[in-house]
Amino acid sequence: MNIGEISKASGVSSKMIRYYEQIGLIAPARRAESSYRIYTDSDIHTLRFIRGARDLGFSVDQMKILLALWKDRSRASSDVKALALSHIAELERKAAAIKTMTKTLKHLANNCHGDGRPECPIIDGIAEPVREDGPTALSKFGLGHPV
């Protein structure tokens, strides 16, 4: 199989396949005499696994660990579960941060007149520098907090 065929079969773009080879996530493909990459059915399964991990938001480093665990038939499922639980915690932190950003931006947008005047709480809220020791422009809306 060439790179276009494996891309279609795995759901991973040719560009990403080359990138995964470059960073060592997958082994470089064998090369034909014409220097075209040649892939196998095993490569399809590996790329589908990577695609599944990527779709769940795992980082490249986490995918390297997952691939090693996937290939290790003597692995302990507790190792896989620990990685998954750690990733869940990170996703929950990110979800909470996104929820806070959404709430802040909605509040700012609701307080913006959206007319011809230059005054805009959205711009003011974004422009206010973050301060470690005190309130920000967002705190007057009960939204900002020191970092």
N, C-alpha and C. Protein backbone atom coordinates (compact mmCIF):
# COMPACT_ATOMS: atom_id res chain seq x y z
N MET A 1 0.84 -1.18 0.00
CA MET A 1 0.00 0.00 0.00
C MET A 1 0.89 1.24 0.00
N ASN A 2 0.47 2.25 -0.75
CA ASN A 2 1.21 3.51 -0.70
C ASN A 2 0.58 4.44 0.34
N ILE A 3 1.13 5.61 0.50
CA ILE A 3 0.68 6.51 1.57
C ILE A 3 -0.76 6.98 1.34
N GLY A 4 -1.16 7.19 0.10
CA GLY A 4 -2.54 7.59 -0.18
C GLY A 4 -3.54 6.52 0.19
N GLU A 5 -3.18 5.28 -0.11
CA GLU A 5 -4.07 4.16 0.20
C GLU A 5 -4.20 3.94 1.70
N ILE A 6 -3.07 4.02 2.40
CA ILE A 6 -3.14 3.81 3.86
C ILE A 6 -3.84 4.98 4.54
N SER A 7 -3.71 6.15 3.96
CA SER A 7 -4.40 7.31 4.49
C SER A 7 -5.91 7.09 4.44
N LYS A 8 -6.41 6.64 3.31
CA LYS A 8 -7.84 6.36 3.16
C LYS A 8 -8.28 5.23 4.09
N ALA A 9 -7.46 4.19 4.18
CA ALA A 9 -7.84 3.02 4.98
C ALA A 9 -7.80 3.30 6.47
N SER A 10 -6.95 4.21 6.91
CA SER A 10 -6.78 4.46 8.34
C SER A 10 -7.54 5.69 8.83
N GLY A 11 -7.87 6.60 7.92
CA GLY A 11 -8.51 7.84 8.34
C GLY A 11 -7.52 8.88 8.84
N VAL A 12 -6.23 8.65 8.58
CA VAL A 12 -5.18 9.59 8.98
C VAL A 12 -4.60 10.20 7.70
N SER A 13 -4.49 11.51 7.67
CA SER A 13 -4.01 12.17 6.45
C SER A 13 -2.56 11.80 6.16
N SER A 14 -2.21 11.90 4.90
CA SER A 14 -0.83 11.61 4.49
C SER A 14 0.15 12.51 5.22
N LYS A 15 -0.23 13.76 5.38
CA LYS A 15 0.64 14.72 6.08
C LYS A 15 0.89 14.26 7.52
N MET A 16 -0.16 13.81 8.20
CA MET A 16 0.00 13.36 9.58
C MET A 16 0.81 12.06 9.65
N ILE A 17 0.64 11.19 8.67
CA ILE A 17 1.43 9.95 8.65
C ILE A 17 2.91 10.31 8.55
N ARG A 18 3.26 11.22 7.65
CA ARG A 18 4.66 11.66 7.53
C ARG A 18 5.15 12.28 8.83
N TYR A 19 4.29 13.09 9.46
CA TYR A 19 4.65 13.72 10.73
C TYR A 19 4.89 12.66 11.81
N TYR A 20 4.00 11.69 11.91
CA TYR A 20 4.16 10.63 12.91
C TYR A 20 5.44 9.85 12.70
N GLU A 21 5.81 9.65 11.45
CA GLU A 21 7.10 9.00 11.16
C GLU A 21 8.25 9.89 11.61
N GLN A 22 8.17 11.16 11.29
CA GLN A 22 9.22 12.13 11.61
C GLN A 22 9.49 12.21 13.11
N ILE A 23 8.43 12.19 13.92
CA ILE A 23 8.61 12.33 15.37
C ILE A 23 8.81 10.99 16.08
N GLY A 24 8.78 9.90 15.31
CA GLY A 24 9.03 8.59 15.89
C GLY A 24 7.83 7.92 16.52
N LEU A 25 6.64 8.44 16.28
CA LEU A 25 5.45 7.80 16.83
C LEU A 25 5.20 6.47 16.12
N ILE A 26 5.49 6.44 14.83
CA ILE A 26 5.44 5.18 14.08
C ILE A 26 6.79 5.00 13.39
N ALA A 27 7.12 3.76 13.12
CA ALA A 27 8.38 3.46 12.44
C ALA A 27 8.30 3.95 11.00
N PRO A 28 9.42 4.41 10.47
CA PRO A 28 9.41 4.82 9.06
C PRO A 28 9.00 3.65 8.17
N ALA A 29 8.23 3.95 7.16
CA ALA A 29 7.77 2.91 6.23
C ALA A 29 8.95 2.40 5.40
N ARG A 30 8.80 1.16 4.99
CA ARG A 30 9.78 0.63 4.04
C ARG A 30 9.65 1.44 2.76
N ARG A 31 10.70 1.43 1.98
CA ARG A 31 10.70 2.18 0.73
C ARG A 31 10.87 1.23 -0.46
N ALA A 32 10.10 1.51 -1.50
CA ALA A 32 10.26 0.77 -2.75
C ALA A 32 11.49 1.33 -3.47
N GLU A 33 11.93 0.66 -4.51
CA GLU A 33 13.08 1.15 -5.27
C GLU A 33 12.83 2.56 -5.80
N SER A 34 11.57 2.88 -6.04
CA SER A 34 11.21 4.21 -6.53
C SER A 34 11.18 5.24 -5.40
N SER A 35 11.49 4.81 -4.19
CA SER A 35 11.53 5.59 -2.95
C SER A 35 10.14 5.92 -2.39
N TYR A 36 9.09 5.35 -2.97
CA TYR A 36 7.75 5.51 -2.40
C TYR A 36 7.65 4.68 -1.12
N ARG A 37 6.89 5.22 -0.16
CA ARG A 37 6.66 4.49 1.08
C ARG A 37 5.74 3.30 0.80
N ILE A 38 6.01 2.19 1.49
CA ILE A 38 5.19 0.99 1.36
C ILE A 38 4.68 0.63 2.75
N TYR A 39 3.37 0.45 2.88
CA TYR A 39 2.75 0.15 4.16
C TYR A 39 2.07 -1.22 4.13
N THR A 40 1.85 -1.75 5.34
CA THR A 40 1.24 -3.07 5.50
C THR A 40 -0.08 -2.95 6.25
N ASP A 41 -0.78 -4.09 6.36
CA ASP A 41 -2.02 -4.12 7.14
C ASP A 41 -1.75 -3.78 8.61
N SER A 42 -0.61 -4.19 9.11
CA SER A 42 -0.24 -3.87 10.49
C SER A 42 -0.15 -2.35 10.68
N ASP A 43 0.39 -1.66 9.68
CA ASP A 43 0.48 -0.20 9.75
C ASP A 43 -0.90 0.45 9.80
N ILE A 44 -1.86 -0.15 9.09
CA ILE A 44 -3.24 0.37 9.12
C ILE A 44 -3.78 0.28 10.55
N HIS A 45 -3.60 -0.85 11.19
CA HIS A 45 -4.10 -1.04 12.56
C HIS A 45 -3.44 -0.04 13.52
N THR A 46 -2.14 0.16 13.35
CA THR A 46 -1.43 1.11 14.21
C THR A 46 -1.96 2.52 14.00
N LEU A 47 -2.14 2.92 12.75
CA LEU A 47 -2.64 4.26 12.47
C LEU A 47 -4.08 4.43 12.94
N ARG A 48 -4.89 3.40 12.83
CA ARG A 48 -6.26 3.49 13.36
C ARG A 48 -6.24 3.64 14.88
N PHE A 49 -5.32 2.95 15.54
CA PHE A 49 -5.18 3.08 16.98
C PHE A 49 -4.78 4.52 17.33
N ILE A 50 -3.82 5.05 16.61
CA ILE A 50 -3.38 6.43 16.84
C ILE A 50 -4.54 7.39 16.60
N ARG A 51 -5.30 7.16 15.55
CA ARG A 51 -6.45 8.01 15.25
C ARG A 51 -7.45 7.98 16.41
N GLY A 52 -7.71 6.80 16.94
CA GLY A 52 -8.63 6.70 18.07
C GLY A 52 -8.12 7.44 19.30
N ALA A 53 -6.82 7.30 19.57
CA ALA A 53 -6.23 8.01 20.72
C ALA A 53 -6.27 9.51 20.50
N ARG A 54 -5.97 9.94 19.28
CA ARG A 54 -6.00 11.37 18.96
C ARG A 54 -7.41 11.91 19.09
N ASP A 55 -8.41 11.15 18.63
CA ASP A 55 -9.80 11.58 18.74
C ASP A 55 -10.24 11.75 20.19
N LEU A 56 -9.58 11.04 21.10
CA LEU A 56 -9.88 11.18 22.52
C LEU A 56 -9.03 12.25 23.19
N GLY A 57 -8.21 12.94 22.40
CA GLY A 57 -7.45 14.07 22.92
C GLY A 57 -6.13 13.73 23.57
N PHE A 58 -5.64 12.52 23.40
CA PHE A 58 -4.35 12.17 23.98
C PHE A 58 -3.23 12.93 23.26
N SER A 59 -2.22 13.33 24.02
CA SER A 59 -1.07 14.03 23.45
C SER A 59 -0.17 13.02 22.73
N VAL A 60 0.78 13.53 21.98
CA VAL A 60 1.72 12.65 21.29
C VAL A 60 2.49 11.80 22.29
N ASP A 61 2.94 12.41 23.37
CA ASP A 61 3.67 11.64 24.40
C ASP A 61 2.79 10.55 25.00
N GLN A 62 1.54 10.88 25.26
CA GLN A 62 0.62 9.87 25.79
C GLN A 62 0.36 8.78 24.76
N MET A 63 0.28 9.17 23.48
CA MET A 63 0.06 8.17 22.44
C MET A 63 1.26 7.22 22.34
N LYS A 64 2.46 7.72 22.56
CA LYS A 64 3.65 6.85 22.55
C LYS A 64 3.52 5.80 23.65
N ILE A 65 3.09 6.23 24.82
CA ILE A 65 2.91 5.30 25.93
C ILE A 65 1.79 4.31 25.62
N LEU A 66 0.68 4.82 25.10
CA LEU A 66 -0.44 3.94 24.75
C LEU A 66 -0.04 2.90 23.70
N LEU A 67 0.71 3.33 22.70
CA LEU A 67 1.17 2.40 21.67
C LEU A 67 2.05 1.31 22.27
N ALA A 68 2.94 1.70 23.18
CA ALA A 68 3.81 0.71 23.82
C ALA A 68 2.97 -0.27 24.65
N LEU A 69 1.97 0.25 25.35
CA LEU A 69 1.10 -0.62 26.14
C LEU A 69 0.26 -1.52 25.24
N TRP A 70 -0.21 -1.00 24.13
CA TRP A 70 -1.03 -1.75 23.18
C TRP A 70 -0.24 -2.92 22.60
N LYS A 71 1.02 -2.66 22.32
CA LYS A 71 1.87 -3.70 21.72
C LYS A 71 2.38 -4.70 22.75
N ASP A 72 2.36 -4.34 24.01
CA ASP A 72 2.87 -5.21 25.08
C ASP A 72 1.73 -6.08 25.60
N ARG A 73 1.68 -7.32 25.15
CA ARG A 73 0.61 -8.23 25.54
C ARG A 73 0.71 -8.64 27.02
N SER A 74 1.84 -8.36 27.67
CA SER A 74 1.96 -8.70 29.09
C SER A 74 1.73 -7.48 29.99
N ARG A 75 1.20 -6.42 29.40
CA ARG A 75 0.95 -5.19 30.17
C ARG A 75 -0.09 -5.43 31.26
N ALA A 76 -0.07 -4.57 32.24
CA ALA A 76 -1.12 -4.59 33.27
C ALA A 76 -2.18 -3.57 32.86
N SER A 77 -3.42 -3.97 32.90
CA SER A 77 -4.48 -3.03 32.53
C SER A 77 -4.50 -1.83 33.47
N SER A 78 -3.96 -2.00 34.66
CA SER A 78 -3.91 -0.88 35.61
C SER A 78 -3.04 0.25 35.07
N ASP A 79 -2.02 -0.08 34.29
CA ASP A 79 -1.17 0.96 33.69
C ASP A 79 -1.97 1.77 32.67
N VAL A 80 -2.77 1.09 31.89
CA VAL A 80 -3.60 1.76 30.89
C VAL A 80 -4.65 2.61 31.59
N LYS A 81 -5.26 2.06 32.61
CA LYS A 81 -6.30 2.79 33.34
C LYS A 81 -5.72 4.04 34.01
N ALA A 82 -4.53 3.93 34.58
CA ALA A 82 -3.90 5.09 35.23
C ALA A 82 -3.68 6.22 34.22
N LEU A 83 -3.22 5.86 33.03
CA LEU A 83 -3.02 6.86 31.99
C LEU A 83 -4.35 7.49 31.59
N ALA A 84 -5.37 6.66 31.42
CA ALA A 84 -6.69 7.16 31.05
C ALA A 84 -7.26 8.08 32.12
N LEU A 85 -7.13 7.71 33.38
CA LEU A 85 -7.66 8.54 34.47
C LEU A 85 -6.92 9.87 34.57
N SER A 86 -5.62 9.84 34.34
CA SER A 86 -4.84 11.08 34.33
C SER A 86 -5.32 11.98 33.20
N HIS A 87 -5.57 11.39 32.05
CA HIS A 87 -6.05 12.16 30.90
C HIS A 87 -7.45 12.72 31.16
N ILE A 88 -8.29 11.94 31.79
CA ILE A 88 -9.64 12.41 32.14
C ILE A 88 -9.55 13.64 33.05
N ALA A 89 -8.67 13.59 34.03
CA ALA A 89 -8.51 14.72 34.94
C ALA A 89 -8.06 15.97 34.18
N GLU A 90 -7.14 15.80 33.24
CA GLU A 90 -6.69 16.94 32.44
C GLU A 90 -7.82 17.47 31.56
N LEU A 91 -8.59 16.58 30.95
CA LEU A 91 -9.73 17.02 30.13
C LEU A 91 -10.75 17.77 30.98
N GLU A 92 -10.98 17.31 32.20
CA GLU A 92 -11.92 18.00 33.08
C GLU A 92 -11.41 19.38 33.47
N ARG A 93 -10.09 19.51 33.69
CA ARG A 93 -9.51 20.84 33.99
C ARG A 93 -9.70 21.77 32.79
N LYS A 94 -9.44 21.23 31.59
CA LYS A 94 -9.60 22.05 30.38
C LYS A 94 -11.06 22.43 30.18
N ALA A 95 -11.97 21.50 30.41
CA ALA A 95 -13.40 21.79 30.27
C ALA A 95 -13.84 22.88 31.23
N ALA A 96 -13.34 22.83 32.46
CA ALA A 96 -13.68 23.87 33.44
C ALA A 96 -13.12 25.22 33.00
N ALA A 97 -11.91 25.23 32.46
CA ALA A 97 -11.32 26.48 31.99
C ALA A 97 -12.12 27.03 30.82
N ILE A 98 -12.55 26.17 29.91
CA ILE A 98 -13.35 26.61 28.77
C ILE A 98 -14.69 27.15 29.25
N LYS A 99 -15.27 26.50 30.24
CA LYS A 99 -16.55 26.97 30.78
C LYS A 99 -16.39 28.36 31.38
N THR A 100 -15.30 28.59 32.11
CA THR A 100 -15.03 29.91 32.69
C THR A 100 -14.82 30.95 31.61
N MET A 101 -14.05 30.61 30.58
CA MET A 101 -13.82 31.55 29.48
C MET A 101 -15.13 31.88 28.77
N THR A 102 -15.96 30.87 28.55
CA THR A 102 -17.24 31.09 27.89
C THR A 102 -18.12 32.01 28.72
N LYS A 103 -18.19 31.76 30.02
CA LYS A 103 -19.00 32.60 30.92
C LYS A 103 -18.50 34.04 30.89
N THR A 104 -17.18 34.21 30.96
CA THR A 104 -16.60 35.56 30.95
C THR A 104 -16.92 36.27 29.64
N LEU A 105 -16.69 35.59 28.54
CA LEU A 105 -16.91 36.23 27.24
C LEU A 105 -18.39 36.52 27.00
N LYS A 106 -19.27 35.64 27.42
CA LYS A 106 -20.71 35.90 27.29
C LYS A 106 -21.09 37.14 28.09
N HIS A 107 -20.55 37.23 29.32
CA HIS A 107 -20.86 38.39 30.16
C HIS A 107 -20.36 39.67 29.51
N LEU A 108 -19.14 39.64 29.01
CA LEU A 108 -18.59 40.83 28.35
C LEU A 108 -19.42 41.20 27.12
N ALA A 109 -19.79 40.21 26.33
CA ALA A 109 -20.59 40.47 25.13
C ALA A 109 -21.96 41.04 25.51
N ASN A 110 -22.55 40.53 26.58
CA ASN A 110 -23.85 41.05 27.03
C ASN A 110 -23.75 42.49 27.51
N ASN A 111 -22.57 42.91 27.99
CA ASN A 111 -22.39 44.26 28.48
C ASN A 111 -21.85 45.22 27.42
N CYS A 112 -21.62 44.71 26.24
CA CYS A 112 -21.17 45.56 25.14
C CYS A 112 -22.40 46.05 24.39
N HIS A 113 -22.46 47.34 24.16
CA HIS A 113 -23.61 47.91 23.47
C HIS A 113 -23.66 47.49 22.00
N GLY A 114 -22.51 47.20 21.43
CA GLY A 114 -22.47 46.76 20.04
C GLY A 114 -22.96 47.81 19.07
N ASP A 115 -22.70 49.07 19.38
CA ASP A 115 -23.15 50.15 18.52
C ASP A 115 -21.94 50.88 17.94
N GLY A 116 -22.10 52.09 17.54
CA GLY A 116 -21.03 52.87 16.91
C GLY A 116 -20.04 53.49 17.88
N ARG A 117 -20.33 53.39 19.18
CA ARG A 117 -19.42 53.98 20.16
C ARG A 117 -18.15 53.15 20.30
N PRO A 118 -17.03 53.79 20.63
CA PRO A 118 -15.77 53.05 20.76
C PRO A 118 -15.65 52.28 22.08
N GLU A 119 -16.43 52.66 23.11
CA GLU A 119 -16.32 51.97 24.39
C GLU A 119 -16.80 50.53 24.23
N CYS A 120 -15.98 49.61 24.74
CA CYS A 120 -16.33 48.20 24.57
C CYS A 120 -15.76 47.39 25.73
N PRO A 121 -16.61 46.84 26.58
CA PRO A 121 -16.11 46.04 27.70
C PRO A 121 -15.35 44.79 27.25
N ILE A 122 -15.62 44.31 26.05
CA ILE A 122 -14.89 43.12 25.57
C ILE A 122 -13.42 43.49 25.39
N ILE A 123 -13.18 44.60 24.68
CA ILE A 123 -11.81 45.05 24.46
C ILE A 123 -11.15 45.40 25.79
N ASP A 124 -11.87 46.08 26.67
CA ASP A 124 -11.32 46.44 27.97
C ASP A 124 -10.94 45.20 28.78
N GLY A 125 -11.80 44.21 28.76
CA GLY A 125 -11.53 42.99 29.51
C GLY A 125 -10.33 42.23 28.97
N ILE A 126 -10.19 42.20 27.66
CA ILE A 126 -9.05 41.50 27.04
C ILE A 126 -7.76 42.27 27.26
N ALA A 127 -7.84 43.61 27.17
CA ALA A 127 -6.64 44.44 27.24
C ALA A 127 -6.07 44.55 28.65
N GLU A 128 -6.87 44.36 29.67
CA GLU A 128 -6.40 44.51 31.05
C GLU A 128 -5.35 43.46 31.36
N PRO A 129 -4.17 43.90 31.77
CA PRO A 129 -3.13 42.92 32.10
C PRO A 129 -3.52 42.08 33.32
N VAL A 130 -3.11 40.84 33.30
CA VAL A 130 -3.36 39.95 34.43
C VAL A 130 -2.43 40.36 35.55
N ARG A 131 -3.00 40.48 36.75
CA ARG A 131 -2.20 40.85 37.92
C ARG A 131 -2.26 39.74 38.95
N GLU A 132 -1.12 39.44 39.51
CA GLU A 132 -1.08 38.38 40.51
C GLU A 132 -1.59 38.84 41.86
N ASP A 133 -1.56 40.14 42.11
CA ASP A 133 -1.85 40.64 43.45
C ASP A 133 -3.14 41.43 43.57
N GLY A 134 -3.96 41.44 42.54
CA GLY A 134 -5.15 42.25 42.67
C GLY A 134 -6.16 42.02 41.58
N PRO A 135 -7.18 42.87 41.56
CA PRO A 135 -8.27 42.68 40.60
C PRO A 135 -7.85 43.02 39.18
N THR A 136 -8.59 42.50 38.25
CA THR A 136 -8.42 42.83 36.84
C THR A 136 -9.65 43.57 36.39
N ALA A 137 -9.67 43.99 35.13
CA ALA A 137 -10.85 44.68 34.60
C ALA A 137 -12.06 43.76 34.65
N LEU A 138 -11.83 42.47 34.56
CA LEU A 138 -12.94 41.52 34.57
C LEU A 138 -13.55 41.37 35.96
N SER A 139 -12.78 41.69 37.00
CA SER A 139 -13.29 41.48 38.35
C SER A 139 -14.46 42.42 38.67
N LYS A 140 -14.56 43.53 37.98
CA LYS A 140 -15.72 44.40 38.22
C LYS A 140 -17.01 43.75 37.76
N PHE A 141 -16.86 42.69 36.93
CA PHE A 141 -18.02 41.92 36.52
C PHE A 141 -18.14 40.64 37.35
N GLY A 142 -17.24 40.48 38.33
CA GLY A 142 -17.25 39.28 39.14
C GLY A 142 -16.72 38.06 38.41
N LEU A 143 -15.87 38.31 37.38
CA LEU A 143 -15.42 37.20 36.55
C LEU A 143 -13.92 36.98 36.61
N GLY A 144 -13.16 38.04 36.63
CA GLY A 144 -11.71 37.88 36.60
C GLY A 144 -11.19 37.43 37.95
N HIS A 145 -10.06 36.83 37.94
CA HIS A 145 -9.44 36.44 39.21
C HIS A 145 -7.94 36.48 39.03
N PRO A 146 -7.22 36.83 40.08
CA PRO A 146 -5.76 36.85 39.97
C PRO A 146 -5.24 35.46 39.64
N VAL A 147 -4.18 35.45 38.88
CA VAL A 147 -3.56 34.18 38.50
C VAL A 147 -2.70 33.66 39.63
